Amino acid sequence: MKHQIVTDPSQSARLLACGVDLDSADMVWTTWDNDEEELTQLSVLDESAYEMGCLNPIEAWSLSALLELLPRQINDSDFEYRLVLSPSRYSKGWIIEYIDEDANETLHGICGPLLIEGCVLMIEWLVHNAYTLNMKNCS
């Protein structure tokens, strides 16, 4: 199983295309050239990441930052859907879904091998379907 600790640059671009606020990112990819070799480094996002524009900073989101963006609950029609993350029983991966356990109803679910990609897909789905992300904790 592949492990991923933050969004890669393409996932970050997808989040930005959804309107996710840069202030919610907590990590940053920086790249620079060193004797004909391009080097990439992942760092905690702080002011120092932007001090040198030549480092080409690309914001990234850790799993905890992505989870902060997902609403814990969605009220829709007669249902109260709660965010549930669980290991898949049928594959080596994760299930991310909004379910109303009392009514046994699922608003939307995503199953995949990488939890970070699942969170990005869920954020894309929420935005596409006009649900509000949890942006209150952005500084």
Protein backbone atom coordinates (compact mmCIF):
# COMPACT_ATOMS: atom_id res chain seq x y z
CA MET A 1 0.00 0.00 0.00
CA LYS A 2 1.32 3.42 -0.96
CA HIS A 3 1.61 5.94 1.86
CA GLN A 4 1.10 9.66 1.40
CA ILE A 5 1.40 12.29 4.12
CA VAL A 6 0.36 15.43 2.19
CA THR A 7 -1.27 16.40 -1.06
CA ASP A 8 0.97 16.26 -4.09
CA PRO A 9 1.15 19.33 -6.37
CA SER A 10 -1.62 18.08 -8.68
CA GLN A 11 -3.96 17.43 -5.75
CA SER A 12 -3.15 20.88 -4.35
CA ALA A 13 -4.05 22.42 -7.72
CA ARG A 14 -7.37 20.57 -7.67
CA LEU A 15 -8.15 21.92 -4.19
CA LEU A 16 -7.32 25.45 -5.25
CA ALA A 17 -9.55 25.02 -8.33
CA CYS A 18 -12.37 24.16 -5.89
CA GLY A 19 -11.84 27.43 -4.08
CA VAL A 20 -10.14 26.00 -1.01
CA ASP A 21 -8.49 28.85 0.86
CA LEU A 22 -4.68 28.89 0.80
CA ASP A 23 -4.76 29.74 4.50
CA SER A 24 -6.01 26.23 5.24
CA ALA A 25 -2.79 24.66 3.88
CA ASP A 26 -0.31 23.63 6.54
CA MET A 27 2.60 22.33 4.45
CA VAL A 28 4.51 23.52 1.39
CA TRP A 29 6.54 21.92 -1.39
CA THR A 30 9.57 23.94 -2.47
CA THR A 31 11.80 23.26 -5.46
CA TRP A 32 15.11 24.67 -6.59
CA ASP A 33 17.89 23.81 -9.03
CA ASN A 34 21.23 22.61 -7.78
CA ASP A 35 23.93 21.82 -10.36
CA GLU A 36 21.60 20.56 -13.11
CA GLU A 37 19.40 18.70 -10.62
CA GLU A 38 15.97 19.80 -9.42
CA LEU A 39 15.51 19.29 -5.70
CA THR A 40 12.16 19.14 -3.92
CA GLN A 41 11.54 19.56 -0.21
CA LEU A 42 8.45 19.35 1.96
CA SER A 43 8.25 21.80 4.85
CA VAL A 44 5.85 23.15 7.40
CA LEU A 45 4.12 26.18 5.93
CA ASP A 46 5.32 29.37 7.58
CA GLU A 47 6.63 32.75 6.49
CA SER A 48 10.05 31.35 5.64
CA ALA A 49 8.57 29.36 2.73
CA TYR A 50 7.81 32.62 0.94
CA GLU A 51 10.93 34.57 1.82
CA MET A 52 12.68 33.34 -1.30
CA GLY A 53 10.44 33.33 -4.34
CA CYS A 54 13.00 31.22 -6.21
CA LEU A 55 11.89 28.20 -4.12
CA ASN A 56 8.62 28.06 -6.10
CA PRO A 57 6.38 27.29 -3.11
CA ILE A 58 3.37 25.06 -3.74
CA GLU A 59 0.95 24.79 -0.84
CA ALA A 60 0.09 21.32 0.43
CA TRP A 61 -2.48 19.93 2.85
CA SER A 62 -1.77 17.24 5.43
CA LEU A 63 -4.43 14.67 6.25
CA SER A 64 -5.38 16.58 9.40
CA ALA A 65 -5.78 19.82 7.41
CA LEU A 66 -7.98 18.03 4.85
CA LEU A 67 -10.14 16.52 7.58
CA GLU A 68 -10.60 19.99 9.09
CA LEU A 69 -12.09 21.14 5.76
CA LEU A 70 -14.70 18.37 5.66
CA PRO A 71 -17.95 19.22 7.46
CA ARG A 72 -18.60 16.79 10.31
CA GLN A 73 -22.30 16.74 9.54
CA ILE A 74 -24.54 17.68 6.63
CA ASN A 75 -28.26 18.32 7.10
CA ASP A 76 -30.05 17.58 3.85
CA SER A 77 -33.80 17.08 3.52
CA ASP A 78 -34.93 14.85 6.37
CA PHE A 79 -31.52 13.34 7.06
CA GLU A 80 -28.51 14.18 9.21
CA TYR A 81 -25.50 12.76 7.43
CA ARG A 82 -22.34 12.31 9.48
CA LEU A 83 -18.81 12.05 8.12
CA VAL A 84 -17.46 8.52 8.58
CA LEU A 85 -13.98 7.26 7.71
CA SER A 86 -13.30 3.56 7.95
CA PRO A 87 -10.96 0.94 6.55
CA SER A 88 -12.54 -0.97 3.69
CA ARG A 89 -13.42 -4.56 4.46
CA TYR A 90 -13.16 -5.49 0.80
CA SER A 91 -9.98 -3.80 -0.34
CA LYS A 92 -6.77 -2.45 1.11
CA GLY A 93 -8.05 1.07 1.32
CA TRP A 94 -10.42 3.51 2.93
CA ILE A 95 -14.06 4.49 2.78
CA ILE A 96 -15.04 8.12 3.27
CA GLU A 97 -18.76 8.71 3.36
CA TYR A 98 -21.59 10.84 4.64
CA ILE A 99 -24.21 8.53 6.13
CA ASP A 100 -27.35 8.77 8.22
CA GLU A 101 -26.96 5.68 10.37
CA ASP A 102 -30.46 5.92 11.81
CA ALA A 103 -32.10 5.89 8.38
CA ASN A 104 -29.41 3.69 6.78
CA GLU A 105 -28.98 6.32 4.03
CA THR A 106 -25.76 7.36 2.32
CA LEU A 107 -25.45 10.82 0.81
CA HIS A 108 -22.13 10.09 -0.90
CA GLY A 109 -19.24 7.68 -0.44
CA ILE A 110 -15.75 7.24 -1.84
CA CYS A 111 -13.60 4.13 -1.60
CA GLY A 112 -9.94 4.09 -2.55
CA PRO A 113 -6.47 3.02 -1.53
CA LEU A 114 -5.23 6.47 -0.43
CA LEU A 115 -6.98 8.42 2.30
CA ILE A 116 -5.60 11.78 1.13
CA GLU A 117 -6.89 11.25 -2.43
CA GLY A 118 -10.25 10.22 -0.98
CA CYS A 119 -10.43 13.46 1.00
CA VAL A 120 -9.56 15.51 -2.10
CA LEU A 121 -12.25 13.68 -4.09
CA MET A 122 -14.80 14.28 -1.31
CA ILE A 123 -13.93 17.99 -1.19
CA GLU A 124 -14.37 18.19 -4.95
CA TRP A 125 -17.74 16.44 -4.70
CA LEU A 126 -18.92 18.69 -1.85
CA VAL A 127 -18.00 21.88 -3.73
CA HIS A 128 -19.51 20.60 -7.00
CA ASN A 129 -22.77 19.87 -5.16
CA ALA A 130 -22.84 23.27 -3.42
CA TYR A 131 -22.08 22.06 0.10
CA THR A 132 -20.02 24.36 2.32
CA LEU A 133 -16.55 23.37 3.45
CA ASN A 134 -15.46 23.96 7.01
CA MET A 135 -13.25 27.01 6.56
CA LYS A 136 -13.70 28.53 10.01
CA ASN A 137 -10.37 27.24 11.29
CA CYS A 138 -8.34 28.92 8.54
CA SER A 139 -6.00 31.53 9.95
